[in-house]
Amino acid sequence: MSQKIDDKYEHDRAADKKIKLKIIYSKKGCIAAGHCVLSDPYDFTLDEDFKADLVDGVQGQGAQKDVYTKIIETNEPHLAINAAKTCTPRVIAVFDVETGKRIA
């Protein structure tokens, strides 16, 4: 069953609408496939073990030390959404900050 992305998150260069997103990434579950970096090279890079790093992500504390969070404001939300959707182990989540709704 295919799920259509809400039109609000569709890429539209002419509209230049900014959307605030929260990206949550669990490095512990990363299998180093690299799909996130190919989908969103602005927010994800690879470390020396080829696991993803969330660029400027804030590391969690204690039991959450392998979880990184980042809030972005972007007119290209499809990049972060595609990174989450193409993540093989599904360790990336994207939320709309305004609504709190998980969108990927």
PDB file of N, CA and C in Angstrom:
ATOM      1  N   MET A   1       0.854  -1.167   0.000  1.00  0.00           N
ATOM      2  CA  MET A   1       0.000   0.000   0.000  1.00  0.00           C
ATOM      3  C   MET A   1       0.904   1.236   0.000  1.00  0.00           C
ATOM      4  N   SER A   2       0.754   2.091  -1.001  1.00  0.00           N
ATOM      5  CA  SER A   2       1.594   3.280  -1.049  1.00  0.00           C
ATOM      6  C   SER A   2       0.937   4.423  -0.291  1.00  0.00           C
ATOM      7  N   GLN A   3       1.768   5.217   0.352  1.00  0.00           N
ATOM      8  CA  GLN A   3       1.272   6.333   1.153  1.00  0.00           C
ATOM      9  C   GLN A   3       1.685   7.630   0.477  1.00  0.00           C
ATOM     10  N   LYS A   4       0.723   8.511   0.202  1.00  0.00           N
ATOM     11  CA  LYS A   4       1.014   9.788  -0.437  1.00  0.00           C
ATOM     12  C   LYS A   4       1.426  10.790   0.634  1.00  0.00           C
ATOM     13  N   ILE A   5       2.512  11.520   0.342  1.00  0.00           N
ATOM     14  CA  ILE A   5       2.954  12.567   1.249  1.00  0.00           C
ATOM     15  C   ILE A   5       1.964  13.716   1.161  1.00  0.00           C
ATOM     16  N   ASP A   6       1.625  14.274   2.293  1.00  0.00           N
ATOM     17  CA  ASP A   6       0.766  15.451   2.353  1.00  0.00           C
ATOM     18  C   ASP A   6       1.327  16.525   1.424  1.00  0.00           C
ATOM     19  N   ASP A   7       0.463  17.188   0.663  1.00  0.00           N
ATOM     20  CA  ASP A   7       0.903  18.224  -0.280  1.00  0.00           C
ATOM     21  C   ASP A   7       1.745  19.303   0.389  1.00  0.00           C
ATOM     22  N   LYS A   8       1.553  19.524   1.666  1.00  0.00           N
ATOM     23  CA  LYS A   8       2.311  20.540   2.398  1.00  0.00           C
ATOM     24  C   LYS A   8       3.815  20.295   2.309  1.00  0.00           C
ATOM     25  N   TYR A   9       4.218  19.043   2.164  1.00  0.00           N
ATOM     26  CA  TYR A   9       5.632  18.689   2.181  1.00  0.00           C
ATOM     27  C   TYR A   9       6.213  18.456   0.786  1.00  0.00           C
ATOM     28  N   GLU A  10       5.390  18.612  -0.239  1.00  0.00           N
ATOM     29  CA  GLU A  10       5.879  18.465  -1.605  1.00  0.00           C
ATOM     30  C   GLU A  10       6.845  19.594  -1.928  1.00  0.00           C
ATOM     31  N   HIS A  11       7.873  19.288  -2.683  1.00  0.00           N
ATOM     32  CA  HIS A  11       8.874  20.293  -3.050  1.00  0.00           C
ATOM     33  C   HIS A  11       8.291  21.229  -4.112  1.00  0.00           C
ATOM     34  N   ASP A  12       8.391  22.532  -3.871  1.00  0.00           N
ATOM     35  CA  ASP A  12       7.896  23.539  -4.811  1.00  0.00           C
ATOM     36  C   ASP A  12       8.832  24.737  -4.751  1.00  0.00           C
ATOM     37  N   ARG A  13       9.795  24.786  -5.665  1.00  0.00           N
ATOM     38  CA  ARG A  13      10.776  25.871  -5.666  1.00  0.00           C
ATOM     39  C   ARG A  13      10.117  27.242  -5.793  1.00  0.00           C
ATOM     40  N   ALA A  14       9.064  27.335  -6.568  1.00  0.00           N
ATOM     41  CA  ALA A  14       8.405  28.626  -6.786  1.00  0.00           C
ATOM     42  C   ALA A  14       7.790  29.163  -5.497  1.00  0.00           C
ATOM     43  N   ALA A  15       7.241  28.271  -4.679  1.00  0.00           N
ATOM     44  CA  ALA A  15       6.572  28.700  -3.448  1.00  0.00           C
ATOM     45  C   ALA A  15       7.581  29.133  -2.388  1.00  0.00           C
ATOM     46  N   ASP A  16       8.757  28.517  -2.371  1.00  0.00           N
ATOM     47  CA  ASP A  16       9.803  28.819  -1.399  1.00  0.00           C
ATOM     48  C   ASP A  16       9.272  28.853   0.031  1.00  0.00           C
ATOM     49  N   LYS A  17       8.413  27.897   0.341  1.00  0.00           N
ATOM     50  CA  LYS A  17       7.842  27.836   1.685  1.00  0.00           C
ATOM     51  C   LYS A  17       8.798  27.124   2.635  1.00  0.00           C
ATOM     52  N   LYS A  18       8.972  27.694   3.818  1.00  0.00           N
ATOM     53  CA  LYS A  18       9.860  27.118   4.835  1.00  0.00           C
ATOM     54  C   LYS A  18       9.040  26.252   5.785  1.00  0.00           C
ATOM     55  N   ILE A  19       9.559  25.090   6.085  1.00  0.00           N
ATOM     56  CA  ILE A  19       8.904  24.165   7.001  1.00  0.00           C
ATOM     57  C   ILE A  19       9.911  23.778   8.070  1.00  0.00           C
ATOM     58  N   LYS A  20       9.478  23.797   9.317  1.00  0.00           N
ATOM     59  CA  LYS A  20      10.344  23.435  10.436  1.00  0.00           C
ATOM     60  C   LYS A  20      10.141  21.953  10.739  1.00  0.00           C
ATOM     61  N   LEU A  21      11.250  21.202  10.681  1.00  0.00           N
ATOM     62  CA  LEU A  21      11.211  19.764  10.904  1.00  0.00           C
ATOM     63  C   LEU A  21      12.142  19.369  12.045  1.00  0.00           C
ATOM     64  N   LYS A  22      11.768  18.307  12.729  1.00  0.00           N
ATOM     65  CA  LYS A  22      12.624  17.717  13.751  1.00  0.00           C
ATOM     66  C   LYS A  22      13.043  16.340  13.232  1.00  0.00           C
ATOM     67  N   ILE A  23      14.358  16.136  13.159  1.00  0.00           N
ATOM     68  CA  ILE A  23      14.900  14.854  12.721  1.00  0.00           C
ATOM     69  C   ILE A  23      15.426  14.129  13.955  1.00  0.00           C
ATOM     70  N   ILE A  24      15.031  12.878  14.095  1.00  0.00           N
ATOM     71  CA  ILE A  24      15.524  12.040  15.189  1.00  0.00           C
ATOM     72  C   ILE A  24      16.188  10.823  14.553  1.00  0.00           C
ATOM     73  N   TYR A  25      17.424  10.567  14.950  1.00  0.00           N
ATOM     74  CA  TYR A  25      18.217   9.493  14.346  1.00  0.00           C
ATOM     75  C   TYR A  25      18.868   8.643  15.429  1.00  0.00           C
ATOM     76  N   SER A  26      18.708   7.319  15.326  1.00  0.00           N
ATOM     77  CA  SER A  26      19.327   6.390  16.263  1.00  0.00           C
ATOM     78  C   SER A  26      20.524   5.725  15.588  1.00  0.00           C
ATOM     79  N   LYS A  27      21.715   6.164  15.967  1.00  0.00           N
ATOM     80  CA  LYS A  27      22.940   5.650  15.348  1.00  0.00           C
ATOM     81  C   LYS A  27      23.162   4.171  15.662  1.00  0.00           C
ATOM     82  N   LYS A  28      22.717   3.724  16.824  1.00  0.00           N
ATOM     83  CA  LYS A  28      22.928   2.329  17.234  1.00  0.00           C
ATOM     84  C   LYS A  28      22.337   1.352  16.213  1.00  0.00           C
ATOM     85  N   GLY A  29      21.211   1.698  15.625  1.00  0.00           N
ATOM     86  CA  GLY A  29      20.561   0.801  14.672  1.00  0.00           C
ATOM     87  C   GLY A  29      21.038   0.953  13.238  1.00  0.00           C
ATOM     88  N   CYS A  30      21.930   1.896  12.982  1.00  0.00           N
ATOM     89  CA  CYS A  30      22.417   2.151  11.626  1.00  0.00           C
ATOM     90  C   CYS A  30      23.203   0.947  11.109  1.00  0.00           C
ATOM     91  N   ILE A  31      22.924   0.539   9.862  1.00  0.00           N
ATOM     92  CA  ILE A  31      23.641  -0.585   9.262  1.00  0.00           C
ATOM     93  C   ILE A  31      24.612  -0.124   8.168  1.00  0.00           C
ATOM     94  N   ALA A  32      24.825   1.165   8.061  1.00  0.00           N
ATOM     95  CA  ALA A  32      25.797   1.749   7.128  1.00  0.00           C
ATOM     96  C   ALA A  32      25.447   1.531   5.666  1.00  0.00           C
ATOM     97  N   ALA A  33      24.175   1.562   5.335  1.00  0.00           N
ATOM     98  CA  ALA A  33      23.758   1.421   3.936  1.00  0.00           C
ATOM     99  C   ALA A  33      24.020   2.706   3.150  1.00  0.00           C
ATOM    100  N   GLY A  34      23.940   3.861   3.818  1.00  0.00           N
ATOM    101  CA  GLY A  34      24.259   5.128   3.183  1.00  0.00           C
ATOM    102  C   GLY A  34      23.135   5.793   2.414  1.00  0.00           C
ATOM    103  N   HIS A  35      21.944   5.213   2.445  1.00  0.00           N
ATOM    104  CA  HIS A  35      20.823   5.805   1.704  1.00  0.00           C
ATOM    105  C   HIS A  35      20.476   7.207   2.198  1.00  0.00           C
ATOM    106  N   CYS A  36      20.622   7.439   3.488  1.00  0.00           N
ATOM    107  CA  CYS A  36      20.295   8.756   4.042  1.00  0.00           C
ATOM    108  C   CYS A  36      21.213   9.832   3.474  1.00  0.00           C
ATOM    109  N   VAL A  37      22.486   9.512   3.323  1.00  0.00           N
ATOM    110  CA  VAL A  37      23.449  10.480   2.791  1.00  0.00           C
ATOM    111  C   VAL A  37      23.151  10.779   1.325  1.00  0.00           C
ATOM    112  N   LEU A  38      22.762   9.771   0.577  1.00  0.00           N
ATOM    113  CA  LEU A  38      22.400   9.984  -0.824  1.00  0.00           C
ATOM    114  C   LEU A  38      21.122  10.812  -0.942  1.00  0.00           C
ATOM    115  N   SER A  39      20.188  10.604  -0.025  1.00  0.00           N
ATOM    116  CA  SER A  39      18.914  11.331  -0.060  1.00  0.00           C
ATOM    117  C   SER A  39      19.029  12.739   0.494  1.00  0.00           C
ATOM    118  N   ASP A  40      19.825  12.933   1.538  1.00  0.00           N
ATOM    119  CA  ASP A  40      19.933  14.236   2.197  1.00  0.00           C
ATOM    120  C   ASP A  40      21.383  14.497   2.617  1.00  0.00           C
ATOM    121  N   PRO A  41      22.224  14.906   1.663  1.00  0.00           N
ATOM    122  CA  PRO A  41      23.635  15.140   1.987  1.00  0.00           C
ATOM    123  C   PRO A  41      23.878  16.384   2.844  1.00  0.00           C
ATOM    124  N   TYR A  42      22.851  17.188   3.076  1.00  0.00           N
ATOM    125  CA  TYR A  42      22.995  18.382   3.913  1.00  0.00           C
ATOM    126  C   TYR A  42      22.887  18.049   5.396  1.00  0.00           C
ATOM    127  N   ASP A  43      22.089  17.040   5.721  1.00  0.00           N
ATOM    128  CA  ASP A  43      21.859  16.688   7.121  1.00  0.00           C
ATOM    129  C   ASP A  43      22.556  15.409   7.553  1.00  0.00           C
ATOM    130  N   PHE A  44      23.042  14.605   6.606  1.00  0.00           N
ATOM    131  CA  PHE A  44      23.695  13.341   6.959  1.00  0.00           C
ATOM    132  C   PHE A  44      25.049  13.211   6.273  1.00  0.00           C
ATOM    133  N   THR A  45      26.019  12.688   7.017  1.00  0.00           N
ATOM    134  CA  THR A  45      27.339  12.342   6.478  1.00  0.00           C
ATOM    135  C   THR A  45      27.681  10.951   7.001  1.00  0.00           C
ATOM    136  N   LEU A  46      28.788  10.403   6.532  1.00  0.00           N
ATOM    137  CA  LEU A  46      29.239   9.092   7.014  1.00  0.00           C
ATOM    138  C   LEU A  46      30.477   9.265   7.876  1.00  0.00           C
ATOM    139  N   ASP A  47      30.554   8.474   8.953  1.00  0.00           N
ATOM    140  CA  ASP A  47      31.748   8.514   9.794  1.00  0.00           C
ATOM    141  C   ASP A  47      32.785   7.513   9.266  1.00  0.00           C
ATOM    142  N   GLU A  48      33.865   7.318  10.000  1.00  0.00           N
ATOM    143  CA  GLU A  48      34.944   6.436   9.552  1.00  0.00           C
ATOM    144  C   GLU A  48      34.519   4.966   9.456  1.00  0.00           C
ATOM    145  N   ASP A  49      33.430   4.594  10.142  1.00  0.00           N
ATOM    146  CA  ASP A  49      32.900   3.230  10.055  1.00  0.00           C
ATOM    147  C   ASP A  49      31.763   3.133   9.040  1.00  0.00           C
ATOM    148  N   PHE A  50      31.559   4.200   8.291  1.00  0.00           N
ATOM    149  CA  PHE A  50      30.502   4.314   7.277  1.00  0.00           C
ATOM    150  C   PHE A  50      29.101   4.324   7.859  1.00  0.00           C
ATOM    151  N   LYS A  51      29.000   4.576   9.174  1.00  0.00           N
ATOM    152  CA  LYS A  51      27.691   4.786   9.785  1.00  0.00           C
ATOM    153  C   LYS A  51      27.337   6.253   9.614  1.00  0.00           C
ATOM    154  N   ALA A  52      26.054   6.528   9.563  1.00  0.00           N
ATOM    155  CA  ALA A  52      25.612   7.902   9.353  1.00  0.00           C
ATOM    156  C   ALA A  52      25.821   8.756  10.597  1.00  0.00           C
ATOM    157  N   ASP A  53      26.087  10.033  10.360  1.00  0.00           N
ATOM    158  CA  ASP A  53      26.111  11.059  11.394  1.00  0.00           C
ATOM    159  C   ASP A  53      25.083  12.104  11.011  1.00  0.00           C
ATOM    160  N   LEU A  54      24.303  12.552  11.983  1.00  0.00           N
ATOM    161  CA  LEU A  54      23.360  13.641  11.762  1.00  0.00           C
ATOM    162  C   LEU A  54      24.147  14.937  11.962  1.00  0.00           C
ATOM    163  N   VAL A  55      24.356  15.691  10.900  1.00  0.00           N
ATOM    164  CA  VAL A  55      25.154  16.914  10.947  1.00  0.00           C
ATOM    165  C   VAL A  55      24.560  17.879  11.973  1.00  0.00           C
ATOM    166  N   ASP A  56      25.378  18.318  12.925  1.00  0.00           N
ATOM    167  CA  ASP A  56      24.970  19.229  13.997  1.00  0.00           C
ATOM    168  C   ASP A  56      23.849  18.667  14.869  1.00  0.00           C
ATOM    169  N   GLY A  57      23.720  17.347  14.906  1.00  0.00           N
ATOM    170  CA  GLY A  57      22.710  16.722  15.758  1.00  0.00           C
ATOM    171  C   GLY A  57      23.114  16.795  17.219  1.00  0.00           C
ATOM    172  N   VAL A  58      22.135  16.905  18.087  1.00  0.00           N
ATOM    173  CA  VAL A  58      22.365  16.963  19.529  1.00  0.00           C
ATOM    174  C   VAL A  58      22.240  15.543  20.086  1.00  0.00           C
ATOM    175  N   GLN A  59      23.298  15.088  20.734  1.00  0.00           N
ATOM    176  CA  GLN A  59      23.331  13.735  21.279  1.00  0.00           C
ATOM    177  C   GLN A  59      22.487  13.644  22.540  1.00  0.00           C
ATOM    178  N   GLY A  60      21.740  12.527  22.662  1.00  0.00           N
ATOM    179  CA  GLY A  60      20.940  12.283  23.849  1.00  0.00           C
ATOM    180  C   GLY A  60      21.808  11.922  25.042  1.00  0.00           C
ATOM    181  N   GLN A  61      21.194  11.808  26.198  1.00  0.00           N
ATOM    182  CA  GLN A  61      21.890  11.506  27.445  1.00  0.00           C
ATOM    183  C   GLN A  61      21.540  10.093  27.928  1.00  0.00           C
ATOM    184  N   GLY A  62      22.416   9.516  28.721  1.00  0.00           N
ATOM    185  CA  GLY A  62      22.162   8.221  29.356  1.00  0.00           C
ATOM    186  C   GLY A  62      21.827   7.128  28.357  1.00  0.00           C
ATOM    187  N   ALA A  63      20.689   6.483  28.563  1.00  0.00           N
ATOM    188  CA  ALA A  63      20.263   5.390  27.693  1.00  0.00           C
ATOM    189  C   ALA A  63      19.998   5.866  26.265  1.00  0.00           C
ATOM    190  N   GLN A  64      19.830   7.168  26.098  1.00  0.00           N
ATOM    191  CA  GLN A  64      19.550   7.746  24.777  1.00  0.00           C
ATOM    192  C   GLN A  64      20.819   8.299  24.107  1.00  0.00           C
ATOM    193  N   LYS A  65      22.005   7.885  24.569  1.00  0.00           N
ATOM    194  CA  LYS A  65      23.249   8.461  24.060  1.00  0.00           C
ATOM    195  C   LYS A  65      23.493   8.190  22.576  1.00  0.00           C
ATOM    196  N   ASP A  66      22.851   7.193  22.006  1.00  0.00           N
ATOM    197  CA  ASP A  66      23.003   6.892  20.578  1.00  0.00           C
ATOM    198  C   ASP A  66      21.907   7.541  19.735  1.00  0.00           C
ATOM    199  N   VAL A  67      21.090   8.363  20.361  1.00  0.00           N
ATOM    200  CA  VAL A  67      20.005   9.049  19.644  1.00  0.00           C
ATOM    201  C   VAL A  67      20.380  10.518  19.476  1.00  0.00           C
ATOM    202  N   TYR A  68      20.254  10.994  18.240  1.00  0.00           N
ATOM    203  CA  TYR A  68      20.611  12.372  17.901  1.00  0.00           C
ATOM    204  C   TYR A  68      19.372  13.091  17.379  1.00  0.00           C
ATOM    205  N   THR A  69      19.256  14.357  17.733  1.00  0.00           N
ATOM    206  CA  THR A  69      18.104  15.165  17.356  1.00  0.00           C
ATOM    207  C   THR A  69      18.573  16.463  16.734  1.00  0.00           C
ATOM    208  N   LYS A  70      17.805  16.929  15.770  1.00  0.00           N
ATOM    209  CA  LYS A  70      18.134  18.189  15.098  1.00  0.00           C
ATOM    210  C   LYS A  70      16.847  18.823  14.594  1.00  0.00           C
ATOM    211  N   ILE A  71      16.724  20.128  14.767  1.00  0.00           N
ATOM    212  CA  ILE A  71      15.591  20.867  14.211  1.00  0.00           C
ATOM    213  C   ILE A  71      16.117  21.705  13.060  1.00  0.00           C
ATOM    214  N   ILE A  72      15.444  21.597  11.918  1.00  0.00           N
ATOM    215  CA  ILE A  72      15.842  22.359  10.738  1.00  0.00           C
ATOM    216  C   ILE A  72      14.666  23.170  10.229  1.00  0.00           C
ATOM    217  N   GLU A  73      14.969  24.249   9.558  1.00  0.00           N
ATOM    218  CA  GLU A  73      13.955  25.012   8.844  1.00  0.00           C
ATOM    219  C   GLU A  73      14.378  24.977   7.382  1.00  0.00           C
ATOM    220  N   THR A  74      13.539  24.416   6.522  1.00  0.00           N
ATOM    221  CA  THR A  74      13.943  24.158   5.153  1.00  0.00           C
ATOM    222  C   THR A  74      12.824  24.402   4.158  1.00  0.00           C
ATOM    223  N   ASN A  75      13.201  24.749   2.946  1.00  0.00           N
ATOM    224  CA  ASN A  75      12.222  24.814   1.861  1.00  0.00           C
ATOM    225  C   ASN A  75      12.350  23.564   0.988  1.00  0.00           C
ATOM    226  N   GLU A  76      13.128  22.599   1.455  1.00  0.00           N
ATOM    227  CA  GLU A  76      13.287  21.327   0.764  1.00  0.00           C
ATOM    228  C   GLU A  76      13.044  20.158   1.725  1.00  0.00           C
ATOM    229  N   PRO A  77      11.843  20.077   2.293  1.00  0.00           N
ATOM    230  CA  PRO A  77      11.566  19.025   3.283  1.00  0.00           C
ATOM    231  C   PRO A  77      11.657  17.621   2.712  1.00  0.00           C
ATOM    232  N   HIS A  78      11.522  17.494   1.389  1.00  0.00           N
ATOM    233  CA  HIS A  78      11.577  16.178   0.764  1.00  0.00           C
ATOM    234  C   HIS A  78      12.926  15.491   0.991  1.00  0.00           C
ATOM    235  N   LEU A  79      13.994  16.259   1.216  1.00  0.00           N
ATOM    236  CA  LEU A  79      15.300  15.635   1.437  1.00  0.00           C
ATOM    237  C   LEU A  79      15.311  14.820   2.728  1.00  0.00           C
ATOM    238  N   ALA A  80      14.904  15.432   3.829  1.00  0.00           N
ATOM    239  CA  ALA A  80      14.869  14.717   5.117  1.00  0.00           C
ATOM    240  C   ALA A  80      13.829  13.598   5.092  1.00  0.00           C
ATOM    241  N   ILE A  81      12.694  13.856   4.461  1.00  0.00           N
ATOM    242  CA  ILE A  81      11.638  12.839   4.366  1.00  0.00           C
ATOM    243  C   ILE A  81      12.156  11.626   3.590  1.00  0.00           C
ATOM    244  N   ASN A  82      12.833  11.858   2.471  1.00  0.00           N
ATOM    245  CA  ASN A  82      13.375  10.745   1.690  1.00  0.00           C
ATOM    246  C   ASN A  82      14.472  10.005   2.442  1.00  0.00           C
ATOM    247  N   ALA A  83      15.273  10.724   3.226  1.00  0.00           N
ATOM    248  CA  ALA A  83      16.309  10.062   4.028  1.00  0.00           C
ATOM    249  C   ALA A  83      15.664   9.068   4.992  1.00  0.00           C
ATOM    250  N   ALA A  84      14.584   9.490   5.634  1.00  0.00           N
ATOM    251  CA  ALA A  84      13.886   8.607   6.577  1.00  0.00           C
ATOM    252  C   ALA A  84      13.226   7.441   5.854  1.00  0.00           C
ATOM    253  N   LYS A  85      12.612   7.707   4.724  1.00  0.00           N
ATOM    254  CA  LYS A  85      11.895   6.648   3.997  1.00  0.00           C
ATOM    255  C   LYS A  85      12.825   5.629   3.358  1.00  0.00           C
ATOM    256  N   THR A  86      14.040   6.050   2.992  1.00  0.00           N
ATOM    257  CA  THR A  86      14.969   5.111   2.355  1.00  0.00           C
ATOM    258  C   THR A  86      15.874   4.403   3.356  1.00  0.00           C
ATOM    259  N   CYS A  87      15.808   4.781   4.617  1.00  0.00           N
ATOM    260  CA  CYS A  87      16.624   4.154   5.652  1.00  0.00           C
ATOM    261  C   CYS A  87      16.190   2.702   5.839  1.00  0.00           C
ATOM    262  N   THR A  88      17.078   1.790   5.499  1.00  0.00           N
ATOM    263  CA  THR A  88      16.756   0.363   5.554  1.00  0.00           C
ATOM    264  C   THR A  88      16.317  -0.097   6.946  1.00  0.00           C
ATOM    265  N   PRO A  89      17.051   0.229   8.025  1.00  0.00           N
ATOM    266  CA  PRO A  89      16.615  -0.231   9.349  1.00  0.00           C
ATOM    267  C   PRO A  89      15.575   0.685  10.012  1.00  0.00           C
ATOM    268  N   ARG A  90      15.167   1.742   9.327  1.00  0.00           N
ATOM    269  CA  ARG A  90      14.134   2.672   9.828  1.00  0.00           C
ATOM    270  C   ARG A  90      14.531   3.311  11.163  1.00  0.00           C
ATOM    271  N   VAL A  91      15.750   3.876  11.213  1.00  0.00           N
ATOM    272  CA  VAL A  91      16.228   4.512  12.442  1.00  0.00           C
ATOM    273  C   VAL A  91      16.199   6.042  12.353  1.00  0.00           C
ATOM    274  N   ILE A  92      15.524   6.561  11.329  1.00  0.00           N
ATOM    275  CA  ILE A  92      15.374   8.006  11.158  1.00  0.00           C
ATOM    276  C   ILE A  92      13.882   8.326  11.177  1.00  0.00           C
ATOM    277  N   ALA A  93      13.514   9.331  11.968  1.00  0.00           N
ATOM    278  CA  ALA A  93      12.131   9.792  12.012  1.00  0.00           C
ATOM    279  C   ALA A  93      12.123  11.298  11.752  1.00  0.00           C
ATOM    280  N   VAL A  94      11.097  11.772  11.063  1.00  0.00           N
ATOM    281  CA  VAL A  94      10.966  13.198  10.772  1.00  0.00           C
ATOM    282  C   VAL A  94       9.586  13.650  11.234  1.00  0.00           C
ATOM    283  N   PHE A  95       9.567  14.732  12.016  1.00  0.00           N
ATOM    284  CA  PHE A  95       8.330  15.290  12.546  1.00  0.00           C
ATOM    285  C   PHE A  95       8.161  16.735  12.080  1.00  0.00           C
ATOM    286  N   ASP A  96       6.926  17.136  11.853  1.00  0.00           N
ATOM    287  CA  ASP A  96       6.600  18.536  11.592  1.00  0.00           C
ATOM    288  C   ASP A  96       6.560  19.216  12.951  1.00  0.00           C
ATOM    289  N   VAL A  97       7.439  20.192  13.191  1.00  0.00           N
ATOM    290  CA  VAL A  97       7.516  20.858  14.495  1.00  0.00           C
ATOM    291  C   VAL A  97       6.224  21.593  14.821  1.00  0.00           C
ATOM    292  N   GLU A  98       5.616  22.199  13.817  1.00  0.00           N
ATOM    293  CA  GLU A  98       4.400  22.986  14.021  1.00  0.00           C
ATOM    294  C   GLU A  98       3.221  22.133  14.499  1.00  0.00           C
ATOM    295  N   THR A  99       3.057  20.958  13.894  1.00  0.00           N
ATOM    296  CA  THR A  99       1.904  20.117  14.224  1.00  0.00           C
ATOM    297  C   THR A  99       2.252  18.973  15.186  1.00  0.00           C
ATOM    298  N   GLY A 100       3.549  18.638  15.278  1.00  0.00           N
ATOM    299  CA  GLY A 100       3.956  17.505  16.089  1.00  0.00           C
ATOM    300  C   GLY A 100       3.730  16.172  15.392  1.00  0.00           C
ATOM    301  N   LYS A 101       3.229  16.218  14.160  1.00  0.00           N
ATOM    302  CA  LYS A 101       2.893  15.008  13.400  1.00  0.00           C
ATOM    303  C   LYS A 101       4.144  14.375  12.802  1.00  0.00           C
ATOM    304  N   ARG A 102       4.234  13.064  12.947  1.00  0.00           N
ATOM    305  CA  ARG A 102       5.328  12.335  12.294  1.00  0.00           C
ATOM    306  C   ARG A 102       5.001  12.235  10.808  1.00  0.00           C
ATOM    307  N   ILE A 103       5.934  12.661   9.969  1.00  0.00           N
ATOM    308  CA  ILE A 103       5.669  12.637   8.535  1.00  0.00           C
ATOM    309  C   ILE A 103       6.550  11.628   7.797  1.00  0.00           C
ATOM    310  N   ALA A 104       7.532  11.084   8.461  1.00  0.00           N
ATOM    311  CA  ALA A 104       8.349  10.025   7.849  1.00  0.00           C
ATOM    312  C   ALA A 104       9.076   9.262   8.948  1.00  0.00           C
TER     313      ALA A 104
END
